[in-house]
PDB file of N, CA and C in Angstrom:
ATOM      1  N   UNK A   1      52.713 -15.199  32.002  1.00  0.00           N
ATOM      2  CA  UNK A   1      51.659 -14.211  31.915  1.00  0.00           C
ATOM      3  C   UNK A   1      51.443 -13.744  30.482  1.00  0.00           C
ATOM      4  N   UNK A   2      52.567 -13.534  29.757  1.00  0.00           N
ATOM      5  CA  UNK A   2      52.458 -13.110  28.358  1.00  0.00           C
ATOM      6  C   UNK A   2      51.807 -14.200  27.512  1.00  0.00           C
ATOM      7  N   UNK A   3      52.160 -15.444  27.809  1.00  0.00           N
ATOM      8  CA  UNK A   3      51.594 -16.569  27.075  1.00  0.00           C
ATOM      9  C   UNK A   3      50.078 -16.626  27.268  1.00  0.00           C
ATOM     10  N   UNK A   4      49.658 -16.376  28.481  1.00  0.00           N
ATOM     11  CA  UNK A   4      48.223 -16.396  28.812  1.00  0.00           C
ATOM     12  C   UNK A   4      47.480 -15.282  28.053  1.00  0.00           C
ATOM     13  N   UNK A   5      48.041 -14.093  28.012  1.00  0.00           N
ATOM     14  CA  UNK A   5      47.429 -12.979  27.282  1.00  0.00           C
ATOM     15  C   UNK A   5      47.334 -13.276  25.781  1.00  0.00           C
ATOM     16  N   UNK A   6      48.348 -13.894  25.237  1.00  0.00           N
ATOM     17  CA  UNK A   6      48.335 -14.252  23.814  1.00  0.00           C
ATOM     18  C   UNK A   6      47.221 -15.262  23.537  1.00  0.00           C
ATOM     19  N   UNK A   7      47.072 -16.250  24.396  1.00  0.00           N
ATOM     20  CA  UNK A   7      46.019 -17.258  24.235  1.00  0.00           C
ATOM     21  C   UNK A   7      44.644 -16.606  24.331  1.00  0.00           C
ATOM     22  N   UNK A   8      44.465 -15.705  25.275  1.00  0.00           N
ATOM     23  CA  UNK A   8      43.179 -15.023  25.438  1.00  0.00           C
ATOM     24  C   UNK A   8      42.876 -14.173  24.208  1.00  0.00           C
ATOM     25  N   UNK A   9      43.853 -13.451  23.691  1.00  0.00           N
ATOM     26  CA  UNK A   9      43.650 -12.630  22.491  1.00  0.00           C
ATOM     27  C   UNK A   9      43.285 -13.492  21.285  1.00  0.00           C
ATOM     28  N   UNK A  10      43.960 -14.625  21.161  1.00  0.00           N
ATOM     29  CA  UNK A  10      43.656 -15.535  20.044  1.00  0.00           C
ATOM     30  C   UNK A  10      42.230 -16.075  20.147  1.00  0.00           C
ATOM     31  N   UNK A  11      41.807 -16.417  21.341  1.00  0.00           N
ATOM     32  CA  UNK A  11      40.446 -16.920  21.537  1.00  0.00           C
ATOM     33  C   UNK A  11      39.412 -15.847  21.214  1.00  0.00           C
ATOM     34  N   UNK A  12      39.677 -14.625  21.630  1.00  0.00           N
ATOM     35  CA  UNK A  12      38.754 -13.524  21.339  1.00  0.00           C
ATOM     36  C   UNK A  12      38.666 -13.303  19.829  1.00  0.00           C
ATOM     37  N   UNK A  13      39.788 -13.330  19.150  1.00  0.00           N
ATOM     38  CA  UNK A  13      39.795 -13.149  17.686  1.00  0.00           C
ATOM     39  C   UNK A  13      39.037 -14.279  17.006  1.00  0.00           C
ATOM     40  N   UNK A  14      39.233 -15.507  17.445  1.00  0.00           N
ATOM     41  CA  UNK A  14      38.513 -16.645  16.861  1.00  0.00           C
ATOM     42  C   UNK A  14      37.011 -16.531  17.079  1.00  0.00           C
ATOM     43  N   UNK A  15      36.607 -16.065  18.267  1.00  0.00           N
ATOM     44  CA  UNK A  15      35.172 -15.884  18.530  1.00  0.00           C
ATOM     45  C   UNK A  15      34.594 -14.800  17.634  1.00  0.00           C
ATOM     46  N   UNK A  16      35.335 -13.733  17.408  1.00  0.00           N
ATOM     47  CA  UNK A  16      34.852 -12.664  16.530  1.00  0.00           C
ATOM     48  C   UNK A  16      34.716 -13.150  15.088  1.00  0.00           C
ATOM     49  N   UNK A  17      35.680 -13.923  14.625  1.00  0.00           N
ATOM     50  CA  UNK A  17      35.615 -14.475  13.267  1.00  0.00           C
ATOM     51  C   UNK A  17      34.403 -15.395  13.138  1.00  0.00           C
ATOM     52  N   UNK A  18      34.176 -16.235  14.126  1.00  0.00           N
ATOM     53  CA  UNK A  18      33.027 -17.146  14.096  1.00  0.00           C
ATOM     54  C   UNK A  18      31.715 -16.372  14.085  1.00  0.00           C
ATOM     55  N   UNK A  19      31.651 -15.285  14.828  1.00  0.00           N
ATOM     56  CA  UNK A  19      30.441 -14.467  14.867  1.00  0.00           C
ATOM     57  C   UNK A  19      30.157 -13.843  13.512  1.00  0.00           C
ATOM     58  N   UNK A  20      31.168 -13.286  12.884  1.00  0.00           N
ATOM     59  CA  UNK A  20      30.976 -12.672  11.565  1.00  0.00           C
ATOM     60  C   UNK A  20      30.642 -13.713  10.505  1.00  0.00           C
ATOM     61  N   UNK A  21      31.240 -14.884  10.585  1.00  0.00           N
ATOM     62  CA  UNK A  21      30.950 -15.939   9.617  1.00  0.00           C
ATOM     63  C   UNK A  21      29.518 -16.436   9.762  1.00  0.00           C
ATOM     64  N   UNK A  22      28.986 -16.436  10.966  1.00  0.00           N
ATOM     65  CA  UNK A  22      27.610 -16.903  11.187  1.00  0.00           C
ATOM     66  C   UNK A  22      26.588 -15.961  10.567  1.00  0.00           C
ATOM     67  N   UNK A  23      26.933 -14.690  10.398  1.00  0.00           N
ATOM     68  CA  UNK A  23      26.015 -13.708   9.821  1.00  0.00           C
ATOM     69  C   UNK A  23      26.125 -13.625   8.299  1.00  0.00           C
ATOM     70  N   UNK A  24      27.070 -14.315   7.720  1.00  0.00           N
ATOM     71  CA  UNK A  24      27.275 -14.245   6.272  1.00  0.00           C
ATOM     72  C   UNK A  24      26.243 -15.105   5.554  1.00  0.00           C
ATOM     73  N   UNK A  25      25.972 -14.737   4.306  1.00  0.00           N
ATOM     74  CA  UNK A  25      25.018 -15.523   3.526  1.00  0.00           C
ATOM     75  C   UNK A  25      25.730 -16.661   2.806  1.00  0.00           C
ATOM     76  N   UNK A  26      24.964 -17.675   2.475  1.00  0.00           N
ATOM     77  CA  UNK A  26      25.433 -18.794   1.673  1.00  0.00           C
ATOM     78  C   UNK A  26      24.436 -18.957   0.535  1.00  0.00           C
ATOM     79  N   UNK A  27      24.738 -19.812  -0.437  1.00  0.00           N
ATOM     80  CA  UNK A  27      23.775 -19.991  -1.526  1.00  0.00           C
ATOM     81  C   UNK A  27      22.396 -20.461  -1.067  1.00  0.00           C
ATOM     82  N   UNK A  28      22.324 -21.124   0.077  1.00  0.00           N
ATOM     83  CA  UNK A  28      21.033 -21.637   0.541  1.00  0.00           C
ATOM     84  C   UNK A  28      20.486 -20.878   1.745  1.00  0.00           C
ATOM     85  N   UNK A  29      21.247 -19.900   2.260  1.00  0.00           N
ATOM     86  CA  UNK A  29      20.805 -19.172   3.448  1.00  0.00           C
ATOM     87  C   UNK A  29      21.108 -17.691   3.309  1.00  0.00           C
ATOM     88  N   UNK A  30      20.163 -16.853   3.700  1.00  0.00           N
ATOM     89  CA  UNK A  30      20.328 -15.412   3.626  1.00  0.00           C
ATOM     90  C   UNK A  30      21.072 -14.881   4.839  1.00  0.00           C
ATOM     91  N   UNK A  31      21.776 -13.778   4.641  1.00  0.00           N
ATOM     92  CA  UNK A  31      22.357 -13.091   5.787  1.00  0.00           C
ATOM     93  C   UNK A  31      21.253 -12.302   6.477  1.00  0.00           C
ATOM     94  N   UNK A  32      21.556 -11.774   7.632  1.00  0.00           N
ATOM     95  CA  UNK A  32      20.568 -10.996   8.382  1.00  0.00           C
ATOM     96  C   UNK A  32      20.123  -9.775   7.587  1.00  0.00           C
ATOM     97  N   UNK A  33      21.069  -9.086   6.973  1.00  0.00           N
ATOM     98  CA  UNK A  33      20.736  -7.900   6.175  1.00  0.00           C
ATOM     99  C   UNK A  33      19.866  -8.230   4.981  1.00  0.00           C
ATOM    100  N   UNK A  34      20.173  -9.335   4.298  1.00  0.00           N
ATOM    101  CA  UNK A  34      19.359  -9.748   3.157  1.00  0.00           C
ATOM    102  C   UNK A  34      17.944 -10.108   3.603  1.00  0.00           C
ATOM    103  N   UNK A  35      17.822 -10.762   4.748  1.00  0.00           N
ATOM    104  CA  UNK A  35      16.504 -11.133   5.263  1.00  0.00           C
ATOM    105  C   UNK A  35      15.670  -9.883   5.531  1.00  0.00           C
ATOM    106  N   UNK A  36      16.282  -8.878   6.121  1.00  0.00           N
ATOM    107  CA  UNK A  36      15.565  -7.630   6.397  1.00  0.00           C
ATOM    108  C   UNK A  36      15.193  -6.938   5.091  1.00  0.00           C
ATOM    109  N   UNK A  37      16.117  -6.896   4.128  1.00  0.00           N
ATOM    110  CA  UNK A  37      15.821  -6.287   2.832  1.00  0.00           C
ATOM    111  C   UNK A  37      14.657  -6.995   2.152  1.00  0.00           C
ATOM    112  N   UNK A  38      14.663  -8.326   2.189  1.00  0.00           N
ATOM    113  CA  UNK A  38      13.583  -9.092   1.580  1.00  0.00           C
ATOM    114  C   UNK A  38      12.248  -8.834   2.273  1.00  0.00           C
ATOM    115  N   UNK A  39      12.271  -8.674   3.574  1.00  0.00           N
ATOM    116  CA  UNK A  39      11.039  -8.376   4.312  1.00  0.00           C
ATOM    117  C   UNK A  39      10.479  -7.019   3.907  1.00  0.00           C
ATOM    118  N   UNK A  40      11.358  -6.053   3.700  1.00  0.00           N
ATOM    119  CA  UNK A  40      10.924  -4.723   3.272  1.00  0.00           C
ATOM    120  C   UNK A  40      10.317  -4.791   1.878  1.00  0.00           C
ATOM    121  N   UNK A  41      10.969  -5.513   0.973  1.00  0.00           N
ATOM    122  CA  UNK A  41      10.450  -5.654  -0.395  1.00  0.00           C
ATOM    123  C   UNK A  41       9.080  -6.317  -0.360  1.00  0.00           C
ATOM    124  N   UNK A  42       8.944  -7.406   0.388  1.00  0.00           N
ATOM    125  CA  UNK A  42       7.664  -8.123   0.474  1.00  0.00           C
ATOM    126  C   UNK A  42       6.571  -7.208   1.003  1.00  0.00           C
ATOM    127  N   UNK A  43       6.874  -6.449   2.041  1.00  0.00           N
ATOM    128  CA  UNK A  43       5.890  -5.543   2.625  1.00  0.00           C
ATOM    129  C   UNK A  43       5.464  -4.473   1.628  1.00  0.00           C
ATOM    130  N   UNK A  44       6.418  -3.903   0.899  1.00  0.00           N
ATOM    131  CA  UNK A  44       6.089  -2.876  -0.098  1.00  0.00           C
ATOM    132  C   UNK A  44       5.211  -3.444  -1.202  1.00  0.00           C
ATOM    133  N   UNK A  45       5.555  -4.629  -1.704  1.00  0.00           N
ATOM    134  CA  UNK A  45       4.773  -5.237  -2.789  1.00  0.00           C
ATOM    135  C   UNK A  45       3.360  -5.553  -2.312  1.00  0.00           C
ATOM    136  N   UNK A  46       3.228  -6.157  -1.132  1.00  0.00           N
ATOM    137  CA  UNK A  46       1.896  -6.480  -0.605  1.00  0.00           C
ATOM    138  C   UNK A  46       1.059  -5.216  -0.423  1.00  0.00           C
ATOM    139  N   UNK A  47       1.688  -4.164   0.068  1.00  0.00           N
ATOM    140  CA  UNK A  47       0.992  -2.903   0.274  1.00  0.00           C
ATOM    141  C   UNK A  47       0.501  -2.322  -1.051  1.00  0.00           C
ATOM    142  N   UNK A  48       1.360  -2.326  -2.057  1.00  0.00           N
ATOM    143  CA  UNK A  48       0.967  -1.784  -3.360  1.00  0.00           C
ATOM    144  C   UNK A  48      -0.126  -2.629  -4.013  1.00  0.00           C
ATOM    145  N   UNK A  49      -0.055  -3.945  -3.864  1.00  0.00           N
ATOM    146  CA  UNK A  49      -1.098  -4.814  -4.423  1.00  0.00           C
ATOM    147  C   UNK A  49      -2.432  -4.592  -3.711  1.00  0.00           C
ATOM    148  N   UNK A  50      -2.382  -4.376  -2.396  1.00  0.00           N
ATOM    149  CA  UNK A  50      -3.610  -4.186  -1.616  1.00  0.00           C
ATOM    150  C   UNK A  50      -4.265  -2.840  -1.907  1.00  0.00           C
ATOM    151  N   UNK A  51      -3.490  -1.840  -2.265  1.00  0.00           N
ATOM    152  CA  UNK A  51      -4.064  -0.518  -2.536  1.00  0.00           C
ATOM    153  C   UNK A  51      -4.484  -0.335  -3.986  1.00  0.00           C
ATOM    154  N   UNK A  52      -4.095  -1.249  -4.856  1.00  0.00           N
ATOM    155  CA  UNK A  52      -4.499  -1.157  -6.258  1.00  0.00           C
ATOM    156  C   UNK A  52      -5.959  -1.604  -6.383  1.00  0.00           C
ATOM    157  N   UNK A  53      -6.799  -0.736  -6.927  1.00  0.00           N
ATOM    158  CA  UNK A  53      -8.236  -1.033  -7.031  1.00  0.00           C
ATOM    159  C   UNK A  53      -8.527  -2.275  -7.864  1.00  0.00           C
ATOM    160  N   UNK A  54      -7.741  -2.515  -8.895  1.00  0.00           N
ATOM    161  CA  UNK A  54      -7.984  -3.649  -9.787  1.00  0.00           C
ATOM    162  C   UNK A  54      -7.549  -4.972  -9.154  1.00  0.00           C
ATOM    163  N   UNK A  55      -6.472  -4.968  -8.350  1.00  0.00           N
ATOM    164  CA  UNK A  55      -5.904  -6.210  -7.829  1.00  0.00           C
ATOM    165  C   UNK A  55      -6.292  -6.545  -6.393  1.00  0.00           C
ATOM    166  N   UNK A  56      -6.871  -5.593  -5.660  1.00  0.00           N
ATOM    167  CA  UNK A  56      -7.109  -5.836  -4.238  1.00  0.00           C
ATOM    168  C   UNK A  56      -8.124  -6.936  -3.964  1.00  0.00           C
ATOM    169  N   UNK A  57      -8.943  -7.290  -4.943  1.00  0.00           N
ATOM    170  CA  UNK A  57      -9.934  -8.346  -4.728  1.00  0.00           C
ATOM    171  C   UNK A  57      -9.339  -9.750  -4.884  1.00  0.00           C
ATOM    172  N   UNK A  58      -8.126  -9.842  -5.413  1.00  0.00           N
ATOM    173  CA  UNK A  58      -7.472 -11.145  -5.602  1.00  0.00           C
ATOM    174  C   UNK A  58      -6.556 -11.447  -4.423  1.00  0.00           C
ATOM    175  N   UNK A  59      -6.421 -12.723  -4.099  1.00  0.00           N
ATOM    176  CA  UNK A  59      -5.491 -13.132  -3.054  1.00  0.00           C
ATOM    177  C   UNK A  59      -4.191 -13.559  -3.725  1.00  0.00           C
ATOM    178  N   UNK A  60      -3.247 -12.644  -3.728  1.00  0.00           N
ATOM    179  CA  UNK A  60      -1.950 -12.889  -4.350  1.00  0.00           C
ATOM    180  C   UNK A  60      -0.915 -13.011  -3.233  1.00  0.00           C
ATOM    181  N   UNK A  61      -0.243 -14.149  -3.201  1.00  0.00           N
ATOM    182  CA  UNK A  61       0.806 -14.369  -2.203  1.00  0.00           C
ATOM    183  C   UNK A  61       2.128 -13.820  -2.728  1.00  0.00           C
ATOM    184  N   UNK A  62       2.891 -13.217  -1.831  1.00  0.00           N
ATOM    185  CA  UNK A  62       4.175 -12.622  -2.193  1.00  0.00           C
ATOM    186  C   UNK A  62       5.244 -13.169  -1.256  1.00  0.00           C
ATOM    187  N   UNK A  63       6.303 -13.709  -1.841  1.00  0.00           N
ATOM    188  CA  UNK A  63       7.462 -14.159  -1.071  1.00  0.00           C
ATOM    189  C   UNK A  63       8.706 -13.615  -1.743  1.00  0.00           C
ATOM    190  N   UNK A  64       9.704 -13.257  -0.948  1.00  0.00           N
ATOM    191  CA  UNK A  64      10.939 -12.701  -1.493  1.00  0.00           C
ATOM    192  C   UNK A  64      12.124 -13.442  -0.900  1.00  0.00           C
ATOM    193  N   UNK A  65      13.062 -13.823  -1.765  1.00  0.00           N
ATOM    194  CA  UNK A  65      14.294 -14.478  -1.332  1.00  0.00           C
ATOM    195  C   UNK A  65      15.444 -13.911  -2.140  1.00  0.00           C
ATOM    196  N   UNK A  66      16.367 -13.249  -1.466  1.00  0.00           N
ATOM    197  CA  UNK A  66      17.547 -12.637  -2.072  1.00  0.00           C
ATOM    198  C   UNK A  66      17.179 -11.742  -3.250  1.00  0.00           C
ATOM    199  N   UNK A  67      16.145 -10.947  -3.079  1.00  0.00           N
ATOM    200  CA  UNK A  67      15.740  -9.982  -4.097  1.00  0.00           C
ATOM    201  C   UNK A  67      14.843 -10.529  -5.190  1.00  0.00           C
ATOM    202  N   UNK A  68      14.586 -11.828  -5.190  1.00  0.00           N
ATOM    203  CA  UNK A  68      13.693 -12.440  -6.171  1.00  0.00           C
ATOM    204  C   UNK A  68      12.305 -12.548  -5.562  1.00  0.00           C
ATOM    205  N   UNK A  69      11.336 -11.900  -6.209  1.00  0.00           N
ATOM    206  CA  UNK A  69       9.963 -11.882  -5.707  1.00  0.00           C
ATOM    207  C   UNK A  69       9.163 -12.958  -6.426  1.00  0.00           C
ATOM    208  N   UNK A  70       8.479 -13.790  -5.652  1.00  0.00           N
ATOM    209  CA  UNK A  70       7.628 -14.832  -6.215  1.00  0.00           C
ATOM    210  C   UNK A  70       6.176 -14.476  -5.946  1.00  0.00           C
ATOM    211  N   UNK A  71       5.408 -14.403  -7.021  1.00  0.00           N
ATOM    212  CA  UNK A  71       3.964 -14.155  -6.929  1.00  0.00           C
ATOM    213  C   UNK A  71       3.239 -15.469  -7.176  1.00  0.00           C
ATOM    214  N   UNK A  72       2.236 -15.754  -6.357  1.00  0.00           N
ATOM    215  CA  UNK A  72       1.424 -16.949  -6.584  1.00  0.00           C
ATOM    216  C   UNK A  72      -0.011 -16.660  -6.186  1.00  0.00           C
ATOM    217  N   UNK A  73      -0.914 -17.381  -6.816  1.00  0.00           N
ATOM    218  CA  UNK A  73      -2.333 -17.210  -6.550  1.00  0.00           C
ATOM    219  C   UNK A  73      -3.135 -17.295  -7.832  1.00  0.00           C
ATOM    220  N   UNK A  74      -4.420 -16.964  -7.731  1.00  0.00           N
ATOM    221  CA  UNK A  74      -5.325 -17.033  -8.872  1.00  0.00           C
ATOM    222  C   UNK A  74      -5.872 -15.651  -9.183  1.00  0.00           C
ATOM    223  N   UNK A  75      -5.916 -15.327 -10.465  1.00  0.00           N
ATOM    224  CA  UNK A  75      -6.499 -14.071 -10.934  1.00  0.00           C
ATOM    225  C   UNK A  75      -7.448 -14.384 -12.089  1.00  0.00           C
ATOM    226  N   UNK A  76      -8.255 -13.388 -12.490  1.00  0.00           N
ATOM    227  CA  UNK A  76      -9.273 -13.631 -13.515  1.00  0.00           C
ATOM    228  C   UNK A  76      -8.831 -13.343 -14.941  1.00  0.00           C
ATOM    229  N   UNK A  77      -7.719 -12.630 -15.121  1.00  0.00           N
ATOM    230  CA  UNK A  77      -7.334 -12.273 -16.482  1.00  0.00           C
ATOM    231  C   UNK A  77      -5.826 -12.073 -16.596  1.00  0.00           C
ATOM    232  N   UNK A  78      -5.352 -12.101 -17.822  1.00  0.00           N
ATOM    233  CA  UNK A  78      -3.945 -11.836 -18.085  1.00  0.00           C
ATOM    234  C   UNK A  78      -3.606 -10.387 -17.751  1.00  0.00           C
ATOM    235  N   UNK A  79      -4.598  -9.519 -17.874  1.00  0.00           N
ATOM    236  CA  UNK A  79      -4.398  -8.110 -17.520  1.00  0.00           C
ATOM    237  C   UNK A  79      -4.018  -7.975 -16.043  1.00  0.00           C
ATOM    238  N   UNK A  80      -4.632  -8.774 -15.183  1.00  0.00           N
ATOM    239  CA  UNK A  80      -4.320  -8.754 -13.751  1.00  0.00           C
ATOM    240  C   UNK A  80      -2.891  -9.251 -13.502  1.00  0.00           C
ATOM    241  N   UNK A  81      -2.478 -10.266 -14.236  1.00  0.00           N
ATOM    242  CA  UNK A  81      -1.114 -10.779 -14.119  1.00  0.00           C
ATOM    243  C   UNK A  81      -0.120  -9.695 -14.510  1.00  0.00           C
ATOM    244  N   UNK A  82      -0.374  -9.056 -15.651  1.00  0.00           N
ATOM    245  CA  UNK A  82       0.519  -8.010 -16.146  1.00  0.00           C
ATOM    246  C   UNK A  82       0.597  -6.832 -15.168  1.00  0.00           C
ATOM    247  N   UNK A  83      -0.533  -6.466 -14.589  1.00  0.00           N
ATOM    248  CA  UNK A  83      -0.577  -5.356 -13.635  1.00  0.00           C
ATOM    249  C   UNK A  83       0.221  -5.699 -12.370  1.00  0.00           C
ATOM    250  N   UNK A  84       0.091  -6.933 -11.880  1.00  0.00           N
ATOM    251  CA  UNK A  84       0.831  -7.355 -10.685  1.00  0.00           C
ATOM    252  C   UNK A  84       2.338  -7.334 -10.939  1.00  0.00           C
ATOM    253  N   UNK A  85       2.753  -7.812 -12.093  1.00  0.00           N
ATOM    254  CA  UNK A  85       4.174  -7.810 -12.445  1.00  0.00           C
ATOM    255  C   UNK A  85       4.686  -6.379 -12.569  1.00  0.00           C
ATOM    256  N   UNK A  86       3.890  -5.517 -13.142  1.00  0.00           N
ATOM    257  CA  UNK A  86       4.261  -4.104 -13.278  1.00  0.00           C
ATOM    258  C   UNK A  86       4.470  -3.460 -11.901  1.00  0.00           C
ATOM    259  N   UNK A  87       3.600  -3.777 -10.965  1.00  0.00           N
ATOM    260  CA  UNK A  87       3.724  -3.237  -9.609  1.00  0.00           C
ATOM    261  C   UNK A  87       5.005  -3.745  -8.945  1.00  0.00           C
ATOM    262  N   UNK A  88       5.299  -5.034  -9.095  1.00  0.00           N
ATOM    263  CA  UNK A  88       6.507  -5.594  -8.488  1.00  0.00           C
ATOM    264  C   UNK A  88       7.753  -4.940  -9.078  1.00  0.00           C
ATOM    265  N   UNK A  89       7.770  -4.718 -10.376  1.00  0.00           N
ATOM    266  CA  UNK A  89       8.929  -4.083 -11.018  1.00  0.00           C
ATOM    267  C   UNK A  89       9.169  -2.664 -10.515  1.00  0.00           C
ATOM    268  N   UNK A  90       8.128  -2.003 -10.031  1.00  0.00           N
ATOM    269  CA  UNK A  90       8.267  -0.626  -9.563  1.00  0.00           C
ATOM    270  C   UNK A  90       8.923  -0.522  -8.184  1.00  0.00           C
ATOM    271  N   UNK A  91       9.065  -1.645  -7.490  1.00  0.00           N
ATOM    272  CA  UNK A  91       9.624  -1.630  -6.135  1.00  0.00           C
ATOM    273  C   UNK A  91      11.152  -1.703  -6.202  1.00  0.00           C
ATOM    274  N   UNK A  92      11.785  -0.792  -5.496  1.00  0.00           N
ATOM    275  CA  UNK A  92      13.246  -0.734  -5.463  1.00  0.00           C
ATOM    276  C   UNK A  92      13.804  -1.951  -4.737  1.00  0.00           C
ATOM    277  N   UNK A  93      14.841  -2.564  -5.286  1.00  0.00           N
ATOM    278  CA  UNK A  93      15.492  -3.709  -4.670  1.00  0.00           C
ATOM    279  C   UNK A  93      15.100  -5.044  -5.273  1.00  0.00           C
ATOM    280  N   UNK A  94      14.088  -5.053  -6.149  1.00  0.00           N
ATOM    281  CA  UNK A  94      13.658  -6.299  -6.789  1.00  0.00           C
ATOM    282  C   UNK A  94      14.652  -6.637  -7.902  1.00  0.00           C
ATOM    283  N   UNK A  95      15.257  -7.829  -7.796  1.00  0.00           N
ATOM    284  CA  UNK A  95      16.237  -8.259  -8.797  1.00  0.00           C
ATOM    285  C   UNK A  95      15.576  -9.053  -9.920  1.00  0.00           C
ATOM    286  N   UNK A  96      14.612  -9.894  -9.562  1.00  0.00           N
ATOM    287  CA  UNK A  96      13.897 -10.674 -10.569  1.00  0.00           C
ATOM    288  C   UNK A  96      12.528 -11.064 -10.020  1.00  0.00           C
ATOM    289  N   UNK A  97      11.685 -11.576 -10.923  1.00  0.00           N
ATOM    290  CA  UNK A  97      10.316 -11.942 -10.557  1.00  0.00           C
ATOM    291  C   UNK A  97      10.044 -13.364 -11.023  1.00  0.00           C
ATOM    292  N   UNK A  98       9.495 -14.175 -10.127  1.00  0.00           N
ATOM    293  CA  UNK A  98       8.985 -15.502 -10.493  1.00  0.00           C
ATOM    294  C   UNK A  98       7.468 -15.385 -10.467  1.00  0.00           C
ATOM    295  N   UNK A  99       6.873 -15.437 -11.620  1.00  0.00           N
ATOM    296  CA  UNK A  99       5.436 -15.241 -11.729  1.00  0.00           C
ATOM    297  C   UNK A  99       4.727 -16.586 -11.782  1.00  0.00           C
ATOM    298  N   UNK A 100       4.109 -16.973 -10.697  1.00  0.00           N
ATOM    299  CA  UNK A 100       3.339 -18.212 -10.632  1.00  0.00           C
ATOM    300  C   UNK A 100       1.853 -17.938 -10.507  1.00  0.00           C
ATOM    301  N   UNK A 101       1.407 -16.780 -11.003  1.00  0.00           N
ATOM    302  CA  UNK A 101      -0.014 -16.462 -10.982  1.00  0.00           C
ATOM    303  C   UNK A 101      -0.730 -17.287 -12.044  1.00  0.00           C
ATOM    304  N   UNK A 102      -1.888 -17.780 -11.686  1.00  0.00           N
ATOM    305  CA  UNK A 102      -2.668 -18.630 -12.589  1.00  0.00           C
ATOM    306  C   UNK A 102      -3.969 -17.919 -12.949  1.00  0.00           C
ATOM    307  N   UNK A 103      -4.251 -17.851 -14.259  1.00  0.00           N
ATOM    308  CA  UNK A 103      -5.493 -17.236 -14.730  1.00  0.00           C
ATOM    309  C   UNK A 103      -6.578 -18.307 -14.709  1.00  0.00           C
ATOM    310  N   UNK A 104      -7.693 -18.023 -13.985  1.00  0.00           N
ATOM    311  CA  UNK A 104      -8.808 -18.967 -13.907  1.00  0.00           C
ATOM    312  C   UNK A 104      -9.657 -18.871 -15.150  1.00  0.00           C
TER     313      UNK A 104
END
């Protein structure tokens, strides 16, 4: 009976370890918490870009991965690029910016 209880406890511990390891991040995959954080950052940046009178007419795509925000799309001037980068920098949680905006 004691042997059986020990085996059951070991199995439960192994299942718990496997569960926690599945939620951890790797260099190529985000953890659940990082994914949620990135979604919040993306939403904030998109919202700020949409409410800015100068930038709302441009279609700027925003993607976030592990705190790095990537901007892509077409704008009419370097001033628009600079303004978009300034807005992204103002958002809490942004670690770096990949600026792929193209001036037409």
